[in-house]
Amino acid sequence: MAALYALNLFDLAPNDDYRAYARRSAQAVAEHHGRVVALGKLAGARTGGGVRPRQAMILVEWESPEAFQGFIDDPAHADLHPLRESGTTNYLWWTYDKLDDLRPLLAAAGAQPPAG
C-alpha cells in the first residue's frame, strides 16, 4: 500500500467548532491509520500563484488512499466533519501520493532527471 498525504490549509472561523473538532479528530485519524506529521501557523507568504495564504496548516500521512477514504466515510464520525467545515473558512484540502523521489514526477512531465 502506498501512503497518501493530506495537506490541510485553512483559516479559523470565529467560533469554537474547530476546537471541538480538534478534541476528537486525533483519535479518529489514528483509528483510520493516519498520523499528523506537521502542524503550522502562517509565518509568511513567499510566492504569489493566485492562492491566498491560510492561517493554519496540518499535514496528515495516511497509510493508504483507502484509509483516508475510510476516515471520510466512517458513519461513527459523521458529526465530526461538519465541525471541521463550520470551524474553518477558506479551507483547502489537497491529497498527494507519497513519492520516494521526484524522478517519476519529472519523467511524467517530460523533464530530464539530474544525473547521478
N, C-alpha and C. Protein backbone atom coordinates (compact mmCIF):
# COMPACT_ATOMS: atom_id res chain seq x y z
N MET A 1 0.83 -1.19 0.00
CA MET A 1 0.00 0.00 0.00
C MET A 1 0.87 1.24 0.00
N ALA A 2 0.50 2.20 -0.79
CA ALA A 2 1.24 3.45 -0.86
C ALA A 2 0.60 4.50 0.04
N ALA A 3 1.43 5.21 0.76
CA ALA A 3 0.94 6.25 1.66
C ALA A 3 0.35 7.40 0.85
N LEU A 4 -0.50 8.15 1.51
CA LEU A 4 -1.13 9.33 0.95
C LEU A 4 -0.97 10.45 1.96
N TYR A 5 -0.67 11.64 1.48
CA TYR A 5 -0.57 12.81 2.35
C TYR A 5 -1.76 13.72 2.10
N ALA A 6 -2.36 14.21 3.17
CA ALA A 6 -3.44 15.19 3.06
C ALA A 6 -2.94 16.50 3.64
N LEU A 7 -2.88 17.51 2.80
CA LEU A 7 -2.45 18.84 3.21
C LEU A 7 -3.70 19.68 3.44
N ASN A 8 -3.85 20.16 4.66
CA ASN A 8 -4.99 20.97 5.06
C ASN A 8 -4.50 22.40 5.29
N LEU A 9 -5.07 23.34 4.58
CA LEU A 9 -4.74 24.76 4.74
C LEU A 9 -6.04 25.49 5.02
N PHE A 10 -6.07 26.33 6.07
CA PHE A 10 -7.33 26.95 6.44
C PHE A 10 -7.13 28.14 7.36
N ASP A 11 -8.18 28.92 7.48
CA ASP A 11 -8.30 29.97 8.48
C ASP A 11 -9.32 29.49 9.50
N LEU A 12 -9.15 29.88 10.74
CA LEU A 12 -10.12 29.52 11.77
C LEU A 12 -11.33 30.45 11.69
N ALA A 13 -12.51 29.88 11.84
CA ALA A 13 -13.74 30.67 11.88
C ALA A 13 -13.89 31.26 13.29
N PRO A 14 -14.66 32.32 13.40
CA PRO A 14 -14.84 32.95 14.71
C PRO A 14 -15.87 32.22 15.58
N ASN A 15 -15.62 30.92 15.82
CA ASN A 15 -16.48 30.12 16.69
C ASN A 15 -15.61 29.03 17.33
N ASP A 16 -16.21 28.17 18.13
CA ASP A 16 -15.46 27.12 18.82
C ASP A 16 -15.57 25.75 18.14
N ASP A 17 -16.11 25.70 16.93
CA ASP A 17 -16.33 24.42 16.28
C ASP A 17 -15.02 23.69 15.98
N TYR A 18 -13.99 24.40 15.55
CA TYR A 18 -12.74 23.71 15.25
C TYR A 18 -12.09 23.20 16.53
N ARG A 19 -12.25 23.91 17.61
CA ARG A 19 -11.75 23.44 18.91
C ARG A 19 -12.40 22.10 19.26
N ALA A 20 -13.71 21.98 19.03
CA ALA A 20 -14.42 20.73 19.28
C ALA A 20 -13.93 19.64 18.32
N TYR A 21 -13.69 20.01 17.08
CA TYR A 21 -13.16 19.06 16.10
C TYR A 21 -11.78 18.56 16.53
N ALA A 22 -10.93 19.46 16.94
CA ALA A 22 -9.56 19.10 17.33
C ALA A 22 -9.53 18.14 18.52
N ARG A 23 -10.47 18.29 19.44
CA ARG A 23 -10.51 17.40 20.61
C ARG A 23 -10.77 15.95 20.21
N ARG A 24 -11.47 15.73 19.11
CA ARG A 24 -11.84 14.37 18.70
C ARG A 24 -11.09 13.85 17.49
N SER A 25 -10.54 14.73 16.69
CA SER A 25 -10.01 14.30 15.40
C SER A 25 -8.76 13.45 15.51
N ALA A 26 -7.89 13.70 16.49
CA ALA A 26 -6.66 12.91 16.60
C ALA A 26 -6.98 11.43 16.76
N GLN A 27 -7.94 11.10 17.59
CA GLN A 27 -8.32 9.70 17.78
C GLN A 27 -8.96 9.14 16.51
N ALA A 28 -9.81 9.92 15.88
CA ALA A 28 -10.47 9.45 14.66
C ALA A 28 -9.45 9.21 13.55
N VAL A 29 -8.47 10.09 13.42
CA VAL A 29 -7.42 9.91 12.42
C VAL A 29 -6.63 8.64 12.71
N ALA A 30 -6.24 8.45 13.96
CA ALA A 30 -5.46 7.27 14.34
C ALA A 30 -6.24 5.97 14.09
N GLU A 31 -7.54 6.00 14.35
CA GLU A 31 -8.38 4.81 14.11
C GLU A 31 -8.34 4.38 12.65
N HIS A 32 -8.07 5.32 11.77
CA HIS A 32 -8.05 5.03 10.33
C HIS A 32 -6.63 5.05 9.76
N HIS A 33 -5.67 4.78 10.62
CA HIS A 33 -4.27 4.62 10.21
C HIS A 33 -3.68 5.89 9.60
N GLY A 34 -4.02 7.01 10.21
CA GLY A 34 -3.42 8.28 9.83
C GLY A 34 -2.63 8.83 10.99
N ARG A 35 -1.69 9.72 10.68
CA ARG A 35 -0.95 10.39 11.74
C ARG A 35 -0.60 11.79 11.29
N VAL A 36 -0.71 12.72 12.22
CA VAL A 36 -0.36 14.10 11.93
C VAL A 36 1.16 14.18 11.86
N VAL A 37 1.67 14.63 10.74
CA VAL A 37 3.10 14.76 10.51
C VAL A 37 3.58 16.15 10.89
N ALA A 38 2.76 17.16 10.64
CA ALA A 38 3.17 18.53 10.93
C ALA A 38 1.96 19.41 11.16
N LEU A 39 2.14 20.36 12.06
CA LEU A 39 1.17 21.43 12.32
C LEU A 39 1.93 22.74 12.13
N GLY A 40 1.28 23.75 11.60
CA GLY A 40 1.97 25.01 11.45
C GLY A 40 1.02 26.18 11.38
N LYS A 41 1.55 27.35 11.76
CA LYS A 41 0.82 28.60 11.57
C LYS A 41 1.58 29.43 10.55
N LEU A 42 0.88 30.23 9.83
CA LEU A 42 1.47 31.01 8.75
C LEU A 42 2.60 31.88 9.29
N ALA A 43 3.76 31.74 8.67
CA ALA A 43 4.92 32.54 9.04
C ALA A 43 5.23 33.60 7.99
N GLY A 44 4.62 33.48 6.83
CA GLY A 44 4.85 34.42 5.75
C GLY A 44 4.51 33.80 4.43
N ALA A 45 4.27 34.62 3.44
CA ALA A 45 3.95 34.14 2.10
C ALA A 45 5.07 34.58 1.17
N ARG A 46 5.67 33.63 0.49
CA ARG A 46 6.83 33.93 -0.34
C ARG A 46 6.54 33.84 -1.84
N THR A 47 5.37 33.32 -2.20
CA THR A 47 5.04 33.22 -3.62
C THR A 47 3.64 33.74 -3.87
N GLY A 48 3.38 34.11 -5.09
CA GLY A 48 2.04 34.56 -5.48
C GLY A 48 1.19 33.36 -5.81
N GLY A 49 1.13 33.01 -7.07
CA GLY A 49 0.43 31.82 -7.51
C GLY A 49 -1.07 31.88 -7.46
N GLY A 50 -1.64 33.00 -7.07
CA GLY A 50 -3.09 33.14 -7.09
C GLY A 50 -3.81 32.49 -5.93
N VAL A 51 -3.11 31.86 -5.00
CA VAL A 51 -3.75 31.25 -3.84
C VAL A 51 -3.40 32.09 -2.62
N ARG A 52 -4.42 32.59 -1.96
CA ARG A 52 -4.22 33.41 -0.78
C ARG A 52 -3.72 32.55 0.37
N PRO A 53 -2.71 33.02 1.12
CA PRO A 53 -2.21 32.23 2.25
C PRO A 53 -3.30 31.96 3.28
N ARG A 54 -3.14 30.86 3.99
CA ARG A 54 -4.08 30.48 5.05
C ARG A 54 -3.37 30.58 6.39
N GLN A 55 -4.13 30.74 7.44
CA GLN A 55 -3.63 30.91 8.80
C GLN A 55 -2.96 29.65 9.35
N ALA A 56 -3.47 28.49 9.01
CA ALA A 56 -3.00 27.23 9.61
C ALA A 56 -2.76 26.17 8.56
N MET A 57 -1.88 25.21 8.91
CA MET A 57 -1.53 24.09 8.04
C MET A 57 -1.45 22.84 8.90
N ILE A 58 -2.03 21.77 8.39
CA ILE A 58 -1.89 20.45 9.01
C ILE A 58 -1.57 19.47 7.88
N LEU A 59 -0.53 18.67 8.09
CA LEU A 59 -0.16 17.63 7.13
C LEU A 59 -0.38 16.28 7.81
N VAL A 60 -1.23 15.45 7.21
CA VAL A 60 -1.56 14.13 7.76
C VAL A 60 -1.07 13.07 6.78
N GLU A 61 -0.36 12.09 7.30
CA GLU A 61 0.05 10.94 6.49
C GLU A 61 -0.93 9.81 6.75
N TRP A 62 -1.49 9.28 5.68
CA TRP A 62 -2.42 8.16 5.74
C TRP A 62 -1.73 6.92 5.21
N GLU A 63 -2.03 5.78 5.79
CA GLU A 63 -1.43 4.51 5.38
C GLU A 63 -1.68 4.23 3.90
N SER A 64 -2.85 4.65 3.41
CA SER A 64 -3.24 4.39 2.03
C SER A 64 -4.40 5.32 1.67
N PRO A 65 -4.69 5.45 0.38
CA PRO A 65 -5.87 6.21 -0.01
C PRO A 65 -7.16 5.63 0.59
N GLU A 66 -7.19 4.32 0.73
CA GLU A 66 -8.38 3.67 1.32
C GLU A 66 -8.54 4.05 2.79
N ALA A 67 -7.44 4.17 3.51
CA ALA A 67 -7.51 4.58 4.92
C ALA A 67 -8.07 6.00 5.02
N PHE A 68 -7.61 6.89 4.15
CA PHE A 68 -8.11 8.26 4.13
C PHE A 68 -9.61 8.27 3.82
N GLN A 69 -10.02 7.51 2.82
CA GLN A 69 -11.43 7.46 2.46
C GLN A 69 -12.26 6.87 3.59
N GLY A 70 -11.69 5.90 4.31
CA GLY A 70 -12.38 5.33 5.46
C GLY A 70 -12.64 6.37 6.53
N PHE A 71 -11.69 7.26 6.75
CA PHE A 71 -11.87 8.37 7.70
C PHE A 71 -13.01 9.27 7.26
N ILE A 72 -13.06 9.57 5.98
CA ILE A 72 -14.11 10.45 5.45
C ILE A 72 -15.49 9.79 5.55
N ASP A 73 -15.56 8.50 5.24
CA ASP A 73 -16.85 7.81 5.13
C ASP A 73 -17.35 7.17 6.42
N ASP A 74 -16.55 7.13 7.47
CA ASP A 74 -16.92 6.42 8.70
C ASP A 74 -18.18 7.03 9.32
N PRO A 75 -19.28 6.28 9.38
CA PRO A 75 -20.51 6.83 9.95
C PRO A 75 -20.38 7.17 11.44
N ALA A 76 -19.42 6.56 12.13
CA ALA A 76 -19.21 6.89 13.54
C ALA A 76 -18.69 8.31 13.72
N HIS A 77 -18.16 8.89 12.64
CA HIS A 77 -17.63 10.25 12.71
C HIS A 77 -18.43 11.22 11.84
N ALA A 78 -19.66 10.87 11.52
CA ALA A 78 -20.47 11.71 10.65
C ALA A 78 -20.68 13.10 11.24
N ASP A 79 -20.70 13.21 12.56
CA ASP A 79 -20.88 14.51 13.18
C ASP A 79 -19.57 15.27 13.36
N LEU A 80 -18.45 14.61 13.07
CA LEU A 80 -17.13 15.23 13.24
C LEU A 80 -16.80 16.18 12.08
N HIS A 81 -17.00 15.74 10.87
CA HIS A 81 -16.61 16.54 9.69
C HIS A 81 -17.33 17.88 9.61
N PRO A 82 -18.61 17.97 9.97
CA PRO A 82 -19.25 19.30 9.96
C PRO A 82 -18.59 20.29 10.94
N LEU A 83 -18.01 19.80 12.02
CA LEU A 83 -17.29 20.70 12.94
C LEU A 83 -16.08 21.31 12.26
N ARG A 84 -15.37 20.49 11.47
CA ARG A 84 -14.22 20.99 10.72
C ARG A 84 -14.68 22.04 9.71
N GLU A 85 -15.76 21.74 9.03
CA GLU A 85 -16.24 22.62 7.98
C GLU A 85 -16.75 23.95 8.54
N SER A 86 -17.51 23.91 9.62
CA SER A 86 -18.04 25.15 10.18
C SER A 86 -17.02 25.88 11.07
N GLY A 87 -15.97 25.17 11.49
CA GLY A 87 -14.95 25.78 12.33
C GLY A 87 -13.82 26.43 11.56
N THR A 88 -13.90 26.37 10.22
CA THR A 88 -12.85 26.94 9.38
C THR A 88 -13.47 27.76 8.26
N THR A 89 -12.63 28.58 7.65
CA THR A 89 -13.01 29.28 6.43
C THR A 89 -11.86 29.12 5.44
N ASN A 90 -12.15 29.33 4.19
CA ASN A 90 -11.11 29.27 3.14
C ASN A 90 -10.34 27.96 3.18
N TYR A 91 -11.04 26.86 3.39
CA TYR A 91 -10.41 25.56 3.59
C TYR A 91 -9.94 24.98 2.26
N LEU A 92 -8.70 24.54 2.24
CA LEU A 92 -8.15 23.79 1.11
C LEU A 92 -7.71 22.45 1.65
N TRP A 93 -8.06 21.38 0.97
CA TRP A 93 -7.70 20.03 1.41
C TRP A 93 -7.22 19.29 0.18
N TRP A 94 -5.93 19.17 0.06
CA TRP A 94 -5.33 18.53 -1.10
C TRP A 94 -4.66 17.24 -0.67
N THR A 95 -4.74 16.21 -1.52
CA THR A 95 -4.07 14.95 -1.23
C THR A 95 -2.96 14.72 -2.23
N TYR A 96 -1.89 14.09 -1.75
CA TYR A 96 -0.71 13.82 -2.56
C TYR A 96 -0.26 12.38 -2.36
N ASP A 97 0.06 11.70 -3.45
CA ASP A 97 0.66 10.38 -3.34
C ASP A 97 2.08 10.52 -2.82
N LYS A 98 2.49 9.56 -2.00
CA LYS A 98 3.85 9.57 -1.49
C LYS A 98 4.83 9.21 -2.62
N LEU A 99 5.92 9.94 -2.70
CA LEU A 99 7.00 9.66 -3.64
C LEU A 99 8.29 9.47 -2.85
N ASP A 100 9.11 8.54 -3.27
CA ASP A 100 10.43 8.38 -2.64
C ASP A 100 11.41 9.40 -3.18
N ASP A 101 11.18 9.84 -4.42
CA ASP A 101 11.97 10.92 -5.01
C ASP A 101 11.15 11.51 -6.15
N LEU A 102 11.65 12.56 -6.76
CA LEU A 102 10.88 13.25 -7.79
C LEU A 102 11.05 12.70 -9.19
N ARG A 103 11.91 11.70 -9.40
CA ARG A 103 12.14 11.20 -10.75
C ARG A 103 10.87 10.76 -11.47
N PRO A 104 9.95 10.02 -10.84
CA PRO A 104 8.73 9.65 -11.59
C PRO A 104 7.90 10.86 -12.01
N LEU A 105 7.83 11.85 -11.16
CA LEU A 105 7.09 13.06 -11.48
C LEU A 105 7.78 13.83 -12.61
N LEU A 106 9.08 13.94 -12.53
CA LEU A 106 9.84 14.62 -13.57
C LEU A 106 9.73 13.90 -14.91
N ALA A 107 9.80 12.57 -14.88
CA ALA A 107 9.68 11.79 -16.12
C ALA A 107 8.30 11.98 -16.75
N ALA A 108 7.26 11.99 -15.91
CA ALA A 108 5.91 12.17 -16.44
C ALA A 108 5.72 13.55 -17.05
N ALA A 109 6.48 14.52 -16.56
CA ALA A 109 6.38 15.89 -17.07
C ALA A 109 7.30 16.11 -18.26
N GLY A 110 8.09 15.09 -18.62
CA GLY A 110 8.99 15.21 -19.74
C GLY A 110 10.31 15.88 -19.41
N ALA A 111 10.57 16.11 -18.15
CA ALA A 111 11.84 16.72 -17.75
C ALA A 111 12.89 15.65 -17.62
N GLN A 112 14.11 16.02 -17.81
CA GLN A 112 15.23 15.08 -17.64
C GLN A 112 15.67 15.09 -16.19
N PRO A 113 15.71 13.92 -15.52
CA PRO A 113 16.17 13.90 -14.14
C PRO A 113 17.66 14.23 -14.08
N PRO A 114 18.10 14.80 -12.97
CA PRO A 114 19.53 15.13 -12.84
C PRO A 114 20.39 13.87 -12.86
N ALA A 115 21.57 14.00 -13.42
CA ALA A 115 22.49 12.88 -13.46
C ALA A 115 23.03 12.60 -12.06
N GLY A 116 23.29 11.34 -11.81
CA GLY A 116 23.92 10.99 -10.54
C GLY A 116 23.07 10.20 -9.73
